[in-house]
N, C-alpha and C. Protein backbone atom coordinates (compact mmCIF):
# COMPACT_ATOMS: atom_id res chain seq x y z
N UNK A 1 -15.91 2.92 3.54
CA UNK A 1 -14.86 2.31 2.77
C UNK A 1 -14.64 0.89 3.28
N UNK A 2 -14.76 -0.08 2.41
CA UNK A 2 -14.49 -1.46 2.79
C UNK A 2 -13.22 -1.92 2.09
N UNK A 3 -12.32 -2.48 2.87
CA UNK A 3 -11.05 -2.96 2.34
C UNK A 3 -11.09 -4.47 2.19
N UNK A 4 -10.42 -5.02 1.18
CA UNK A 4 -10.35 -6.48 1.07
C UNK A 4 -9.52 -7.05 2.21
N UNK A 5 -9.80 -8.28 2.59
CA UNK A 5 -9.05 -8.95 3.64
C UNK A 5 -7.79 -9.55 3.02
N UNK A 6 -6.67 -8.92 3.27
CA UNK A 6 -5.40 -9.38 2.71
C UNK A 6 -4.55 -10.09 3.75
N UNK A 7 -5.17 -10.51 4.85
CA UNK A 7 -4.41 -11.12 5.95
C UNK A 7 -3.70 -12.41 5.51
N UNK A 8 -4.19 -13.06 4.46
CA UNK A 8 -3.53 -14.26 3.95
C UNK A 8 -2.17 -13.98 3.34
N UNK A 9 -1.93 -12.73 2.95
CA UNK A 9 -0.64 -12.34 2.37
C UNK A 9 0.34 -11.85 3.44
N UNK A 10 -0.11 -11.76 4.69
CA UNK A 10 0.70 -11.19 5.77
C UNK A 10 1.66 -12.22 6.36
N UNK A 11 2.63 -12.62 5.56
CA UNK A 11 3.67 -13.53 6.02
C UNK A 11 4.97 -12.74 6.17
N UNK A 12 5.75 -12.97 7.24
CA UNK A 12 7.01 -12.25 7.42
C UNK A 12 7.92 -12.43 6.21
N UNK A 13 8.46 -11.34 5.73
CA UNK A 13 9.34 -11.37 4.56
C UNK A 13 8.61 -11.27 3.24
N UNK A 14 7.29 -11.24 3.25
CA UNK A 14 6.51 -11.19 2.01
C UNK A 14 6.79 -9.89 1.26
N UNK A 15 6.92 -9.99 -0.06
CA UNK A 15 7.10 -8.82 -0.92
C UNK A 15 5.75 -8.54 -1.59
N UNK A 16 5.28 -7.32 -1.52
CA UNK A 16 3.98 -6.95 -2.06
C UNK A 16 4.14 -5.89 -3.14
N UNK A 17 3.79 -6.25 -4.38
CA UNK A 17 3.84 -5.31 -5.49
C UNK A 17 2.56 -4.47 -5.47
N UNK A 18 2.73 -3.16 -5.62
CA UNK A 18 1.60 -2.23 -5.51
C UNK A 18 1.64 -1.25 -6.67
N UNK A 19 0.48 -0.96 -7.24
CA UNK A 19 0.33 0.11 -8.24
C UNK A 19 -0.48 1.19 -7.55
N UNK A 20 0.15 2.32 -7.23
CA UNK A 20 -0.49 3.38 -6.45
C UNK A 20 -1.02 4.50 -7.33
N UNK A 21 -2.16 5.05 -6.94
CA UNK A 21 -2.75 6.21 -7.62
C UNK A 21 -3.03 7.27 -6.57
N UNK A 22 -2.22 8.35 -6.55
CA UNK A 22 -2.48 9.44 -5.60
C UNK A 22 -3.58 10.36 -6.08
N UNK A 23 -4.05 11.24 -5.20
CA UNK A 23 -5.09 12.23 -5.50
C UNK A 23 -6.37 11.61 -6.07
N UNK A 24 -6.72 10.44 -5.56
CA UNK A 24 -7.95 9.78 -5.99
C UNK A 24 -9.14 10.38 -5.23
N UNK A 25 -10.34 10.05 -5.65
CA UNK A 25 -11.54 10.55 -4.98
C UNK A 25 -11.75 9.87 -3.63
N UNK A 26 -11.25 8.63 -3.51
CA UNK A 26 -11.45 7.89 -2.27
C UNK A 26 -10.27 6.95 -2.05
N UNK A 27 -10.11 6.49 -0.81
CA UNK A 27 -9.10 5.49 -0.50
C UNK A 27 -9.70 4.11 -0.79
N UNK A 28 -8.99 3.29 -1.55
CA UNK A 28 -9.50 1.97 -1.90
C UNK A 28 -8.35 1.04 -2.27
N UNK A 29 -8.62 -0.26 -2.17
CA UNK A 29 -7.67 -1.29 -2.58
C UNK A 29 -8.41 -2.31 -3.44
N UNK A 30 -7.78 -2.70 -4.54
CA UNK A 30 -8.31 -3.76 -5.40
C UNK A 30 -7.30 -4.90 -5.37
N UNK A 31 -7.75 -6.08 -4.94
CA UNK A 31 -6.87 -7.24 -4.85
C UNK A 31 -6.48 -7.70 -6.25
N UNK A 32 -5.28 -8.13 -6.39
CA UNK A 32 -4.78 -8.63 -7.67
C UNK A 32 -3.26 -8.64 -7.61
N UNK A 33 -2.64 -8.81 -8.76
CA UNK A 33 -1.20 -8.76 -8.82
C UNK A 33 -0.78 -7.86 -9.97
N UNK A 34 -0.35 -6.68 -9.74
CA UNK A 34 -0.08 -6.08 -8.42
C UNK A 34 -1.36 -5.59 -7.76
N UNK A 35 -1.27 -5.31 -6.45
CA UNK A 35 -2.39 -4.69 -5.74
C UNK A 35 -2.59 -3.29 -6.29
N UNK A 36 -3.82 -2.88 -6.52
CA UNK A 36 -4.11 -1.50 -6.95
C UNK A 36 -4.58 -0.75 -5.72
N UNK A 37 -3.93 0.36 -5.42
CA UNK A 37 -4.29 1.16 -4.25
C UNK A 37 -4.49 2.61 -4.67
N UNK A 38 -5.65 3.15 -4.30
CA UNK A 38 -5.96 4.55 -4.55
C UNK A 38 -5.98 5.27 -3.22
N UNK A 39 -5.31 6.45 -3.16
CA UNK A 39 -5.31 7.25 -1.94
C UNK A 39 -5.63 8.70 -2.30
N UNK A 40 -6.25 9.40 -1.37
CA UNK A 40 -6.62 10.80 -1.61
C UNK A 40 -5.44 11.75 -1.41
N UNK A 41 -4.38 11.29 -0.77
CA UNK A 41 -3.21 12.13 -0.49
C UNK A 41 -2.48 12.50 -1.78
N UNK A 42 -1.92 13.71 -1.83
CA UNK A 42 -1.12 14.12 -3.00
C UNK A 42 0.24 13.44 -2.98
N UNK A 43 0.88 13.40 -4.14
CA UNK A 43 2.17 12.71 -4.27
C UNK A 43 3.35 13.65 -4.01
N UNK A 44 3.24 14.53 -3.04
CA UNK A 44 4.38 15.39 -2.74
C UNK A 44 4.85 15.16 -1.31
N UNK A 45 6.17 15.24 -1.13
CA UNK A 45 6.83 15.08 0.16
C UNK A 45 6.49 13.74 0.84
N UNK A 46 6.26 12.71 0.04
CA UNK A 46 6.04 11.36 0.58
C UNK A 46 4.68 11.13 1.23
N UNK A 47 3.76 12.07 1.08
CA UNK A 47 2.44 11.90 1.72
C UNK A 47 1.66 10.74 1.13
N UNK A 48 1.71 10.57 -0.18
CA UNK A 48 0.98 9.46 -0.82
C UNK A 48 1.60 8.13 -0.41
N UNK A 49 2.93 8.05 -0.35
CA UNK A 49 3.59 6.81 0.07
C UNK A 49 3.15 6.42 1.48
N UNK A 50 3.09 7.39 2.37
CA UNK A 50 2.69 7.11 3.76
C UNK A 50 1.23 6.67 3.81
N UNK A 51 0.37 7.30 3.01
CA UNK A 51 -1.05 6.93 2.98
C UNK A 51 -1.21 5.51 2.43
N UNK A 52 -0.44 5.17 1.39
CA UNK A 52 -0.48 3.81 0.81
C UNK A 52 -0.04 2.80 1.86
N UNK A 53 1.04 3.11 2.57
CA UNK A 53 1.57 2.20 3.59
C UNK A 53 0.55 1.95 4.70
N UNK A 54 -0.11 3.00 5.16
CA UNK A 54 -1.10 2.86 6.23
C UNK A 54 -2.32 2.06 5.77
N UNK A 55 -2.79 2.34 4.55
CA UNK A 55 -3.97 1.64 4.02
C UNK A 55 -3.65 0.16 3.79
N UNK A 56 -2.47 -0.11 3.24
CA UNK A 56 -2.06 -1.50 3.01
C UNK A 56 -1.92 -2.25 4.34
N UNK A 57 -1.35 -1.61 5.33
CA UNK A 57 -1.18 -2.24 6.65
C UNK A 57 -2.55 -2.57 7.26
N UNK A 58 -3.50 -1.66 7.10
CA UNK A 58 -4.84 -1.89 7.63
C UNK A 58 -5.49 -3.11 6.98
N UNK A 59 -5.34 -3.24 5.65
CA UNK A 59 -5.92 -4.38 4.94
C UNK A 59 -5.22 -5.69 5.30
N UNK A 60 -3.92 -5.61 5.59
CA UNK A 60 -3.16 -6.80 5.96
C UNK A 60 -3.39 -7.18 7.43
N UNK A 61 -3.84 -6.24 8.23
CA UNK A 61 -4.03 -6.49 9.65
C UNK A 61 -2.73 -6.43 10.44
N UNK A 62 -1.80 -5.59 9.99
CA UNK A 62 -0.51 -5.44 10.68
C UNK A 62 -0.28 -3.96 10.98
N UNK A 63 0.72 -3.68 11.80
CA UNK A 63 1.09 -2.30 12.10
C UNK A 63 1.80 -1.69 10.90
N UNK A 64 1.55 -0.41 10.59
CA UNK A 64 2.22 0.24 9.46
C UNK A 64 3.75 0.21 9.56
N UNK A 65 4.27 0.18 10.78
CA UNK A 65 5.73 0.16 10.95
C UNK A 65 6.36 -1.14 10.47
N UNK A 66 5.55 -2.18 10.26
CA UNK A 66 6.08 -3.46 9.76
C UNK A 66 6.25 -3.47 8.25
N UNK A 67 5.74 -2.46 7.55
CA UNK A 67 5.88 -2.37 6.10
C UNK A 67 7.00 -1.41 5.72
N UNK A 68 7.90 -1.88 4.87
CA UNK A 68 9.02 -1.06 4.41
C UNK A 68 8.92 -0.91 2.89
N UNK A 69 9.02 0.33 2.42
CA UNK A 69 9.02 0.59 0.98
C UNK A 69 10.40 0.29 0.44
N UNK A 70 10.52 -0.76 -0.36
CA UNK A 70 11.81 -1.19 -0.89
C UNK A 70 12.14 -0.53 -2.23
N UNK A 71 11.12 -0.30 -3.06
CA UNK A 71 11.35 0.25 -4.39
C UNK A 71 10.16 1.09 -4.79
N UNK A 72 10.42 2.20 -5.50
CA UNK A 72 9.33 3.00 -6.03
C UNK A 72 9.01 4.25 -5.23
N UNK A 73 10.02 4.84 -4.60
CA UNK A 73 9.82 6.05 -3.80
C UNK A 73 9.07 7.12 -4.58
N UNK A 74 9.43 7.33 -5.85
CA UNK A 74 8.81 8.39 -6.65
C UNK A 74 8.01 7.85 -7.83
N UNK A 75 7.80 6.54 -7.88
CA UNK A 75 7.07 5.92 -9.00
C UNK A 75 5.71 5.42 -8.54
N UNK A 76 4.83 5.16 -9.49
CA UNK A 76 3.51 4.59 -9.15
C UNK A 76 3.61 3.12 -8.80
N UNK A 77 4.58 2.41 -9.41
CA UNK A 77 4.79 1.00 -9.11
C UNK A 77 5.75 0.89 -7.93
N UNK A 78 5.29 0.26 -6.86
CA UNK A 78 6.04 0.19 -5.62
C UNK A 78 6.19 -1.26 -5.16
N UNK A 79 7.19 -1.49 -4.32
CA UNK A 79 7.39 -2.80 -3.74
C UNK A 79 7.58 -2.64 -2.24
N UNK A 80 6.66 -3.23 -1.48
CA UNK A 80 6.72 -3.19 -0.03
C UNK A 80 7.16 -4.54 0.50
N UNK A 81 7.91 -4.53 1.61
CA UNK A 81 8.28 -5.76 2.28
C UNK A 81 7.69 -5.75 3.68
N UNK A 82 7.12 -6.90 4.05
CA UNK A 82 6.56 -7.06 5.40
C UNK A 82 7.63 -7.63 6.30
N UNK A 83 7.99 -6.90 7.34
CA UNK A 83 9.04 -7.33 8.27
C UNK A 83 8.46 -8.17 9.39
């Protein structure tokens, strides 16, 4: 799995719009606006949200704890903030 280099977007306070797809065949990210993220985790009990957060953090080159889900807890369209 190769992830795009999103380190240019890793500015403190940056808001990142994400379109998430749970239960995908593979974990992947497509750069764009919004970012398209596919994760293999199911969308129950927050597992997909956590998988999206970890994958996004890896592509940004930051720790997952620096990303906060601001909007979209139960929706496919999400908004993350980089602290």
